Amino acid sequence: MQFFKTVHRLLTDNSILFFRVVLFFTFTGHGLVSLGFSPGYELHYRIFESVNFFHLPPERFLQIQGTVDLLFAVLILSGIAGRYVLAIVFFYLLTVATAGWIFFMKKTGATFGFAESFRRFAWIFYTVFLWLFYKNGKKYYPLLRYGIAFAFLAHGLASLGFFGLKGAHIELASQVLSEETANKMVFYSGYTDTTLGLLLIFGFFSRPLIAIGSLWLIVVVCLSFMVAFPDGIFRMGFLLSAVYVAVDERCHQDFVLTKIKSIAP
């Protein structure tokens, strides 16, 4: 019991450093994919092609993007010029989220690619959380819950075939299952992930639910390392953030939720 209390205190007393580590993993993994160390490079290539309005060489661009991602990872982890670096990262992530939406539209002909943008919302919320701290010393912990909530929601909607692409999900499941079984598992997991994401956003049973979600993410991270080590590093960021949200009760105390509970019969 004392061990868990010590871990709890270490995490909750160092939330800023912890989420700098989370973003370090996220940008490191993403950057290594863009540099060609993962089969996910093909997806990055196709996403860039969908927004390559100036006809730049994709290979060269992805080399630059991968290097920039690694630079962001180091700067965020170090905390150097934190407020200014995070402001740049915020707009960079908005651009990445928009590119994912455009890629979905061009690939499917559909307009509402919400899930492809939602995939990037976790990083955006974590960045805003850190930026607000560097700006005025305040920590709005529910932002962390919103971030991981959108990660689950994006995965769930895409797995169901709504507003997103599920190819990568099936690729992960296929590491240990037949293709037919992987398709079925991904589809049915879409219901649970979508429900989990929505409940986390609104704060209903959010703490026990994200604890369960963390166990699911352990499986996802293990499968990701079986695909390629950058994929595992990248998704490790999601796992760490889910664990933190499960541990820190402050992530579940936003104003709206408190108000609803106060007027509920």
C-alpha atoms as a PDB file:
ATOM      1  CA  MET A   1       0.000   0.000   0.000  1.00  0.00           C
ATOM      2  CA  GLN A   2       2.823   2.384   0.872  1.00  0.00           C
ATOM      3  CA  PHE A   3       4.367   1.688  -2.539  1.00  0.00           C
ATOM      4  CA  PHE A   4       1.200   2.785  -4.353  1.00  0.00           C
ATOM      5  CA  LYS A   5       0.947   5.909  -2.188  1.00  0.00           C
ATOM      6  CA  THR A   6       4.533   6.788  -3.060  1.00  0.00           C
ATOM      7  CA  VAL A   7       3.911   6.272  -6.791  1.00  0.00           C
ATOM      8  CA  HIS A   8       0.728   8.340  -6.565  1.00  0.00           C
ATOM      9  CA  ARG A   9       2.580  11.205  -4.882  1.00  0.00           C
ATOM     10  CA  LEU A  10       5.475  11.084  -7.344  1.00  0.00           C
ATOM     11  CA  LEU A  11       3.094  11.284 -10.308  1.00  0.00           C
ATOM     12  CA  THR A  12       0.723  13.933  -8.997  1.00  0.00           C
ATOM     13  CA  ASP A  13       3.516  16.150  -7.636  1.00  0.00           C
ATOM     14  CA  ASN A  14       5.302  16.130 -10.995  1.00  0.00           C
ATOM     15  CA  SER A  15       2.467  16.470 -13.513  1.00  0.00           C
ATOM     16  CA  ILE A  16       4.293  19.021 -15.683  1.00  0.00           C
ATOM     17  CA  LEU A  17       7.430  16.908 -16.018  1.00  0.00           C
ATOM     18  CA  PHE A  18       5.312  13.796 -16.553  1.00  0.00           C
ATOM     19  CA  PHE A  19       3.445  15.287 -19.505  1.00  0.00           C
ATOM     20  CA  ARG A  20       6.639  16.659 -20.966  1.00  0.00           C
ATOM     21  CA  VAL A  21       7.763  13.010 -20.984  1.00  0.00           C
ATOM     22  CA  VAL A  22       4.437  11.982 -22.561  1.00  0.00           C
ATOM     23  CA  LEU A  23       4.897  14.449 -25.418  1.00  0.00           C
ATOM     24  CA  PHE A  24       8.531  13.425 -25.718  1.00  0.00           C
ATOM     25  CA  PHE A  25       7.438   9.849 -26.440  1.00  0.00           C
ATOM     26  CA  THR A  26       4.719  11.040 -28.803  1.00  0.00           C
ATOM     27  CA  PHE A  27       6.951  13.272 -30.920  1.00  0.00           C
ATOM     28  CA  THR A  28       9.884  10.848 -30.825  1.00  0.00           C
ATOM     29  CA  GLY A  29       7.755   7.976 -32.113  1.00  0.00           C
ATOM     30  CA  HIS A  30       6.051  10.127 -34.732  1.00  0.00           C
ATOM     31  CA  GLY A  31       9.359  11.537 -35.906  1.00  0.00           C
ATOM     32  CA  LEU A  32      10.975   8.122 -36.272  1.00  0.00           C
ATOM     33  CA  VAL A  33       8.023   6.962 -38.374  1.00  0.00           C
ATOM     34  CA  SER A  34       8.470   9.941 -40.705  1.00  0.00           C
ATOM     35  CA  LEU A  35      12.166   9.098 -40.959  1.00  0.00           C
ATOM     36  CA  GLY A  36      11.284   5.657 -42.293  1.00  0.00           C
ATOM     37  CA  PHE A  37      11.798   3.382 -39.287  1.00  0.00           C
ATOM     38  CA  SER A  38       8.258   1.987 -39.421  1.00  0.00           C
ATOM     39  CA  PRO A  39       5.756   0.685 -41.981  1.00  0.00           C
ATOM     40  CA  GLY A  40       3.671   3.680 -40.901  1.00  0.00           C
ATOM     41  CA  TYR A  41       5.947   5.743 -43.142  1.00  0.00           C
ATOM     42  CA  GLU A  42       3.650   4.880 -46.044  1.00  0.00           C
ATOM     43  CA  LEU A  43       0.695   6.488 -44.273  1.00  0.00           C
ATOM     44  CA  HIS A  44       2.687   9.638 -43.508  1.00  0.00           C
ATOM     45  CA  TYR A  45       3.742   9.715 -47.165  1.00  0.00           C
ATOM     46  CA  ARG A  46       0.153   9.478 -48.403  1.00  0.00           C
ATOM     47  CA  ILE A  47      -1.108  12.084 -45.930  1.00  0.00           C
ATOM     48  CA  PHE A  48       1.529  14.532 -47.115  1.00  0.00           C
ATOM     49  CA  GLU A  49       0.711  13.814 -50.749  1.00  0.00           C
ATOM     50  CA  SER A  50      -2.921  14.742 -50.057  1.00  0.00           C
ATOM     51  CA  VAL A  51      -1.892  18.259 -48.934  1.00  0.00           C
ATOM     52  CA  ASN A  52       1.171  18.716 -51.159  1.00  0.00           C
ATOM     53  CA  PHE A  53      -0.214  21.749 -52.951  1.00  0.00           C
ATOM     54  CA  PHE A  54       3.254  23.063 -53.809  1.00  0.00           C
ATOM     55  CA  HIS A  55       4.498  19.749 -55.277  1.00  0.00           C
ATOM     56  CA  LEU A  56       7.394  19.370 -52.864  1.00  0.00           C
ATOM     57  CA  PRO A  57       9.344  16.068 -52.868  1.00  0.00           C
ATOM     58  CA  PRO A  58       7.568  13.929 -50.219  1.00  0.00           C
ATOM     59  CA  GLU A  59      10.699  12.021 -49.155  1.00  0.00           C
ATOM     60  CA  ARG A  60      12.559  15.251 -48.446  1.00  0.00           C
ATOM     61  CA  PHE A  61       9.603  16.785 -46.625  1.00  0.00           C
ATOM     62  CA  LEU A  62       9.177  13.753 -44.375  1.00  0.00           C
ATOM     63  CA  GLN A  63      12.871  13.837 -43.524  1.00  0.00           C
ATOM     64  CA  ILE A  64      12.452  17.457 -42.439  1.00  0.00           C
ATOM     65  CA  GLN A  65       9.219  16.725 -40.576  1.00  0.00           C
ATOM     66  CA  GLY A  66      10.766  13.769 -38.750  1.00  0.00           C
ATOM     67  CA  THR A  67      13.745  15.892 -37.715  1.00  0.00           C
ATOM     68  CA  VAL A  68      11.439  18.682 -36.529  1.00  0.00           C
ATOM     69  CA  ASP A  69       9.424  16.176 -34.496  1.00  0.00           C
ATOM     70  CA  LEU A  70      12.584  14.943 -32.786  1.00  0.00           C
ATOM     71  CA  LEU A  71      13.628  18.549 -32.109  1.00  0.00           C
ATOM     72  CA  PHE A  72      10.230  19.277 -30.559  1.00  0.00           C
ATOM     73  CA  ALA A  73      10.589  16.131 -28.433  1.00  0.00           C
ATOM     74  CA  VAL A  74      13.931  17.275 -27.004  1.00  0.00           C
ATOM     75  CA  LEU A  75      12.822  20.889 -26.466  1.00  0.00           C
ATOM     76  CA  ILE A  76       9.603  19.881 -24.706  1.00  0.00           C
ATOM     77  CA  LEU A  77      11.394  17.384 -22.475  1.00  0.00           C
ATOM     78  CA  SER A  78      14.060  19.934 -21.540  1.00  0.00           C
ATOM     79  CA  GLY A  79      11.544  22.712 -20.908  1.00  0.00           C
ATOM     80  CA  ILE A  80      13.718  25.212 -22.783  1.00  0.00           C
ATOM     81  CA  ALA A  81      11.658  28.268 -23.808  1.00  0.00           C
ATOM     82  CA  GLY A  82       8.655  26.169 -22.882  1.00  0.00           C
ATOM     83  CA  ARG A  83       5.908  28.719 -23.455  1.00  0.00           C
ATOM     84  CA  TYR A  84       7.135  29.684 -26.914  1.00  0.00           C
ATOM     85  CA  VAL A  85       7.977  26.157 -28.047  1.00  0.00           C
ATOM     86  CA  LEU A  86       4.550  24.932 -26.973  1.00  0.00           C
ATOM     87  CA  ALA A  87       2.824  27.762 -28.839  1.00  0.00           C
ATOM     88  CA  ILE A  88       4.595  26.681 -32.034  1.00  0.00           C
ATOM     89  CA  VAL A  89       3.792  23.026 -31.298  1.00  0.00           C
ATOM     90  CA  PHE A  90       0.106  23.907 -30.843  1.00  0.00           C
ATOM     91  CA  PHE A  91      -0.209  25.393 -34.325  1.00  0.00           C
ATOM     92  CA  TYR A  92       1.888  22.577 -35.783  1.00  0.00           C
ATOM     93  CA  LEU A  93      -0.511  20.017 -34.305  1.00  0.00           C
ATOM     94  CA  LEU A  94      -3.521  21.898 -35.670  1.00  0.00           C
ATOM     95  CA  THR A  95      -1.903  21.656 -39.102  1.00  0.00           C
ATOM     96  CA  VAL A  96      -1.336  17.910 -38.659  1.00  0.00           C
ATOM     97  CA  ALA A  97      -4.960  17.439 -37.561  1.00  0.00           C
ATOM     98  CA  THR A  98      -6.182  19.359 -40.609  1.00  0.00           C
ATOM     99  CA  ALA A  99      -3.957  17.298 -42.915  1.00  0.00           C
ATOM    100  CA  GLY A 100      -5.460  14.107 -41.497  1.00  0.00           C
ATOM    101  CA  TRP A 101      -8.950  15.407 -42.260  1.00  0.00           C
ATOM    102  CA  ILE A 102      -8.012  16.372 -45.826  1.00  0.00           C
ATOM    103  CA  PHE A 103      -6.428  12.958 -46.390  1.00  0.00           C
ATOM    104  CA  PHE A 104      -9.653  11.283 -45.253  1.00  0.00           C
ATOM    105  CA  MET A 105     -11.737  13.413 -47.602  1.00  0.00           C
ATOM    106  CA  LYS A 106      -9.541  12.686 -50.603  1.00  0.00           C
ATOM    107  CA  LYS A 107      -9.323   8.967 -49.849  1.00  0.00           C
ATOM    108  CA  THR A 108     -13.007   8.361 -49.170  1.00  0.00           C
ATOM    109  CA  GLY A 109     -14.838  11.229 -50.867  1.00  0.00           C
ATOM    110  CA  ALA A 110     -16.621  11.871 -47.542  1.00  0.00           C
ATOM    111  CA  THR A 111     -16.529  15.227 -45.780  1.00  0.00           C
ATOM    112  CA  PHE A 112     -16.819  14.508 -42.085  1.00  0.00           C
ATOM    113  CA  GLY A 113     -13.464  13.033 -41.116  1.00  0.00           C
ATOM    114  CA  PHE A 114     -13.839  13.910 -37.444  1.00  0.00           C
ATOM    115  CA  ALA A 115     -12.005  10.862 -36.172  1.00  0.00           C
ATOM    116  CA  GLU A 116      -8.902  11.631 -38.233  1.00  0.00           C
ATOM    117  CA  SER A 117      -8.653  15.013 -36.517  1.00  0.00           C
ATOM    118  CA  PHE A 118      -9.633  13.652 -33.101  1.00  0.00           C
ATOM    119  CA  ARG A 119      -6.586  11.356 -33.269  1.00  0.00           C
ATOM    120  CA  ARG A 120      -4.414  14.432 -32.759  1.00  0.00           C
ATOM    121  CA  PHE A 121      -6.544  16.083 -30.070  1.00  0.00           C
ATOM    122  CA  ALA A 122      -4.787  14.287 -27.206  1.00  0.00           C
ATOM    123  CA  TRP A 123      -1.487  15.928 -28.119  1.00  0.00           C
ATOM    124  CA  ILE A 124      -3.235  19.280 -28.537  1.00  0.00           C
ATOM    125  CA  PHE A 125      -4.887  19.127 -25.097  1.00  0.00           C
ATOM    126  CA  TYR A 126      -1.630  18.071 -23.423  1.00  0.00           C
ATOM    127  CA  THR A 127       0.179  20.932 -25.150  1.00  0.00           C
ATOM    128  CA  VAL A 128      -2.445  23.440 -23.993  1.00  0.00           C
ATOM    129  CA  PHE A 129      -2.209  22.057 -20.436  1.00  0.00           C
ATOM    130  CA  LEU A 130       1.543  22.678 -20.384  1.00  0.00           C
ATOM    131  CA  TRP A 131       1.278  26.044 -22.146  1.00  0.00           C
ATOM    132  CA  LEU A 132      -1.247  27.359 -19.602  1.00  0.00           C
ATOM    133  CA  PHE A 133       1.099  26.371 -16.791  1.00  0.00           C
ATOM    134  CA  TYR A 134       4.045  28.167 -18.383  1.00  0.00           C
ATOM    135  CA  LYS A 135       1.862  31.211 -19.076  1.00  0.00           C
ATOM    136  CA  ASN A 136       0.190  31.758 -15.705  1.00  0.00           C
ATOM    137  CA  GLY A 137       1.177  28.898 -13.422  1.00  0.00           C
ATOM    138  CA  LYS A 138      -2.277  27.296 -13.529  1.00  0.00           C
ATOM    139  CA  LYS A 139      -2.937  23.607 -14.152  1.00  0.00           C
ATOM    140  CA  TYR A 140      -6.306  22.748 -15.639  1.00  0.00           C
ATOM    141  CA  TYR A 141      -6.221  19.005 -15.041  1.00  0.00           C
ATOM    142  CA  PRO A 142      -9.477  18.080 -16.844  1.00  0.00           C
ATOM    143  CA  LEU A 143      -7.704  18.971 -20.115  1.00  0.00           C
ATOM    144  CA  LEU A 144      -5.710  15.783 -19.606  1.00  0.00           C
ATOM    145  CA  ARG A 145      -8.904  13.734 -19.343  1.00  0.00           C
ATOM    146  CA  TYR A 146     -10.318  15.368 -22.461  1.00  0.00           C
ATOM    147  CA  GLY A 147      -7.146  14.537 -24.344  1.00  0.00           C
ATOM    148  CA  ILE A 148      -7.189  10.798 -23.693  1.00  0.00           C
ATOM    149  CA  ALA A 149     -10.981  10.796 -24.157  1.00  0.00           C
ATOM    150  CA  PHE A 150     -10.637  12.028 -27.735  1.00  0.00           C
ATOM    151  CA  ALA A 151      -7.967   9.394 -28.379  1.00  0.00           C
ATOM    152  CA  PHE A 152     -10.448   6.656 -27.428  1.00  0.00           C
ATOM    153  CA  LEU A 153     -13.276   8.360 -29.307  1.00  0.00           C
ATOM    154  CA  ALA A 154     -11.191   8.630 -32.479  1.00  0.00           C
ATOM    155  CA  HIS A 155     -10.166   4.977 -32.282  1.00  0.00           C
ATOM    156  CA  GLY A 156     -13.735   3.898 -31.608  1.00  0.00           C
ATOM    157  CA  LEU A 157     -15.375   5.863 -34.430  1.00  0.00           C
ATOM    158  CA  ALA A 158     -12.744   4.789 -36.952  1.00  0.00           C
ATOM    159  CA  SER A 159     -13.062   1.153 -35.870  1.00  0.00           C
ATOM    160  CA  LEU A 160     -16.802   1.340 -36.519  1.00  0.00           C
ATOM    161  CA  GLY A 161     -16.163   2.859 -39.928  1.00  0.00           C
ATOM    162  CA  PHE A 162     -17.465   6.301 -38.993  1.00  0.00           C
ATOM    163  CA  PHE A 163     -15.525   9.480 -39.831  1.00  0.00           C
ATOM    164  CA  GLY A 164     -12.128   7.768 -39.894  1.00  0.00           C
ATOM    165  CA  LEU A 165      -9.910   5.014 -41.302  1.00  0.00           C
ATOM    166  CA  LYS A 166      -9.381   1.721 -39.479  1.00  0.00           C
ATOM    167  CA  GLY A 167      -6.597   0.154 -41.544  1.00  0.00           C
ATOM    168  CA  ALA A 168      -3.925   0.674 -38.881  1.00  0.00           C
ATOM    169  CA  HIS A 169      -6.209  -0.790 -36.213  1.00  0.00           C
ATOM    170  CA  ILE A 170      -6.641  -3.993 -38.208  1.00  0.00           C
ATOM    171  CA  GLU A 171      -2.894  -4.122 -38.865  1.00  0.00           C
ATOM    172  CA  LEU A 172      -2.261  -4.084 -35.108  1.00  0.00           C
ATOM    173  CA  ALA A 173      -4.823  -6.779 -34.332  1.00  0.00           C
ATOM    174  CA  SER A 174      -3.485  -8.921 -37.169  1.00  0.00           C
ATOM    175  CA  GLN A 175      -0.220  -9.332 -35.277  1.00  0.00           C
ATOM    176  CA  VAL A 176      -1.875 -11.987 -33.116  1.00  0.00           C
ATOM    177  CA  LEU A 177      -5.155 -12.786 -34.892  1.00  0.00           C
ATOM    178  CA  SER A 178      -6.279 -13.917 -38.318  1.00  0.00           C
ATOM    179  CA  GLU A 179      -7.398 -11.136 -40.638  1.00  0.00           C
ATOM    180  CA  GLU A 180     -11.059 -12.156 -40.357  1.00  0.00           C
ATOM    181  CA  THR A 181     -10.932 -12.287 -36.563  1.00  0.00           C
ATOM    182  CA  ALA A 182      -8.979  -9.024 -36.443  1.00  0.00           C
ATOM    183  CA  ASN A 183     -11.676  -7.277 -38.486  1.00  0.00           C
ATOM    184  CA  LYS A 184     -14.380  -8.508 -36.137  1.00  0.00           C
ATOM    185  CA  MET A 185     -12.431  -7.605 -33.005  1.00  0.00           C
ATOM    186  CA  VAL A 186     -11.647  -4.102 -34.273  1.00  0.00           C
ATOM    187  CA  PHE A 187     -15.293  -3.528 -35.189  1.00  0.00           C
ATOM    188  CA  TYR A 188     -16.663  -4.599 -31.803  1.00  0.00           C
ATOM    189  CA  SER A 189     -13.933  -2.727 -29.917  1.00  0.00           C
ATOM    190  CA  GLY A 190     -15.215   0.356 -31.717  1.00  0.00           C
ATOM    191  CA  TYR A 191     -18.375   0.275 -29.579  1.00  0.00           C
ATOM    192  CA  THR A 192     -16.465   0.064 -26.300  1.00  0.00           C
ATOM    193  CA  ASP A 193     -13.874   2.684 -27.267  1.00  0.00           C
ATOM    194  CA  THR A 194     -16.530   5.127 -28.505  1.00  0.00           C
ATOM    195  CA  THR A 195     -18.565   4.687 -25.332  1.00  0.00           C
ATOM    196  CA  LEU A 196     -15.465   5.062 -23.186  1.00  0.00           C
ATOM    197  CA  GLY A 197     -14.430   8.228 -25.018  1.00  0.00           C
ATOM    198  CA  LEU A 198     -17.857   9.853 -24.642  1.00  0.00           C
ATOM    199  CA  LEU A 199     -18.143   8.998 -20.950  1.00  0.00           C
ATOM    200  CA  LEU A 200     -14.658  10.362 -20.316  1.00  0.00           C
ATOM    201  CA  ILE A 201     -15.484  13.637 -22.076  1.00  0.00           C
ATOM    202  CA  PHE A 202     -18.553  14.168 -19.904  1.00  0.00           C
ATOM    203  CA  GLY A 203     -16.884  12.840 -16.783  1.00  0.00           C
ATOM    204  CA  PHE A 204     -19.269   9.993 -15.973  1.00  0.00           C
ATOM    205  CA  PHE A 205     -17.550   7.112 -14.125  1.00  0.00           C
ATOM    206  CA  SER A 206     -14.413   8.514 -15.714  1.00  0.00           C
ATOM    207  CA  ARG A 207     -11.848   7.380 -13.159  1.00  0.00           C
ATOM    208  CA  PRO A 208     -12.673   3.647 -13.070  1.00  0.00           C
ATOM    209  CA  LEU A 209     -13.258   3.671 -16.834  1.00  0.00           C
ATOM    210  CA  ILE A 210      -9.864   5.147 -17.671  1.00  0.00           C
ATOM    211  CA  ALA A 211      -8.262   2.583 -15.343  1.00  0.00           C
ATOM    212  CA  ILE A 212      -9.860  -0.127 -17.493  1.00  0.00           C
ATOM    213  CA  GLY A 213      -8.825   1.770 -20.631  1.00  0.00           C
ATOM    214  CA  SER A 214      -5.219   1.765 -19.407  1.00  0.00           C
ATOM    215  CA  LEU A 215      -5.236  -2.034 -19.353  1.00  0.00           C
ATOM    216  CA  TRP A 216      -6.473  -2.061 -22.944  1.00  0.00           C
ATOM    217  CA  LEU A 217      -3.718   0.384 -23.926  1.00  0.00           C
ATOM    218  CA  ILE A 218      -1.084  -1.972 -22.495  1.00  0.00           C
ATOM    219  CA  VAL A 219      -2.227  -4.514 -25.090  1.00  0.00           C
ATOM    220  CA  VAL A 220      -2.163  -1.843 -27.823  1.00  0.00           C
ATOM    221  CA  VAL A 221       1.387  -0.784 -26.911  1.00  0.00           C
ATOM    222  CA  CYS A 222       2.632  -4.384 -26.892  1.00  0.00           C
ATOM    223  CA  LEU A 223       1.110  -5.004 -30.327  1.00  0.00           C
ATOM    224  CA  SER A 224       2.586  -1.719 -31.567  1.00  0.00           C
ATOM    225  CA  PHE A 225       6.101  -2.792 -30.602  1.00  0.00           C
ATOM    226  CA  MET A 226       5.502  -5.965 -32.612  1.00  0.00           C
ATOM    227  CA  VAL A 227       4.863  -3.798 -35.696  1.00  0.00           C
ATOM    228  CA  ALA A 228       7.839  -1.446 -35.224  1.00  0.00           C
ATOM    229  CA  PHE A 229       9.570   0.195 -32.269  1.00  0.00           C
ATOM    230  CA  PRO A 230       8.562   3.791 -33.253  1.00  0.00           C
ATOM    231  CA  ASP A 231       4.897   2.746 -33.154  1.00  0.00           C
ATOM    232  CA  GLY A 232       5.363   1.396 -29.648  1.00  0.00           C
ATOM    233  CA  ILE A 233       7.181   4.530 -28.501  1.00  0.00           C
ATOM    234  CA  PHE A 234       4.464   6.718 -29.995  1.00  0.00           C
ATOM    235  CA  ARG A 235       1.589   4.849 -28.320  1.00  0.00           C
ATOM    236  CA  MET A 236       3.489   4.672 -25.050  1.00  0.00           C
ATOM    237  CA  GLY A 237       2.618   8.347 -24.709  1.00  0.00           C
ATOM    238  CA  PHE A 238      -1.082   7.497 -24.747  1.00  0.00           C
ATOM    239  CA  LEU A 239      -0.608   4.725 -22.184  1.00  0.00           C
ATOM    240  CA  LEU A 240       1.329   6.969 -19.799  1.00  0.00           C
ATOM    241  CA  SER A 241      -1.260   9.732 -20.063  1.00  0.00           C
ATOM    242  CA  ALA A 242      -4.111   7.270 -19.419  1.00  0.00           C
ATOM    243  CA  VAL A 243      -2.333   5.969 -16.311  1.00  0.00           C
ATOM    244  CA  TYR A 244      -1.887   9.507 -15.027  1.00  0.00           C
ATOM    245  CA  VAL A 245      -5.546  10.401 -15.574  1.00  0.00           C
ATOM    246  CA  ALA A 246      -6.551   7.221 -13.726  1.00  0.00           C
ATOM    247  CA  VAL A 247      -4.295   8.122 -10.797  1.00  0.00           C
ATOM    248  CA  ASP A 248      -4.967  11.858 -10.354  1.00  0.00           C
ATOM    249  CA  GLU A 249      -8.464  12.660  -9.091  1.00  0.00           C
ATOM    250  CA  ARG A 250      -8.002  16.318 -10.095  1.00  0.00           C
ATOM    251  CA  CYS A 251      -8.483  15.280 -13.727  1.00  0.00           C
ATOM    252  CA  HIS A 252     -12.090  14.419 -12.869  1.00  0.00           C
ATOM    253  CA  GLN A 253     -13.138  17.624 -11.090  1.00  0.00           C
ATOM    254  CA  ASP A 254     -14.010  20.104 -13.837  1.00  0.00           C
ATOM    255  CA  PHE A 255     -16.605  22.812 -13.230  1.00  0.00           C
ATOM    256  CA  VAL A 256     -19.317  21.468 -15.555  1.00  0.00           C
ATOM    257  CA  LEU A 257     -19.258  17.985 -14.019  1.00  0.00           C
ATOM    258  CA  THR A 258     -19.325  19.397 -10.477  1.00  0.00           C
ATOM    259  CA  LYS A 259     -22.316  21.579 -11.399  1.00  0.00           C
ATOM    260  CA  ILE A 260     -24.241  18.631 -12.860  1.00  0.00           C
ATOM    261  CA  LYS A 261     -23.622  16.538  -9.779  1.00  0.00           C
ATOM    262  CA  SER A 262     -24.678  19.377  -7.463  1.00  0.00           C
ATOM    263  CA  ILE A 263     -28.128  19.744  -9.086  1.00  0.00           C
ATOM    264  CA  ALA A 264     -28.740  16.030  -9.697  1.00  0.00           C
ATOM    265  CA  PRO A 265     -31.481  14.513  -7.502  1.00  0.00           C
END
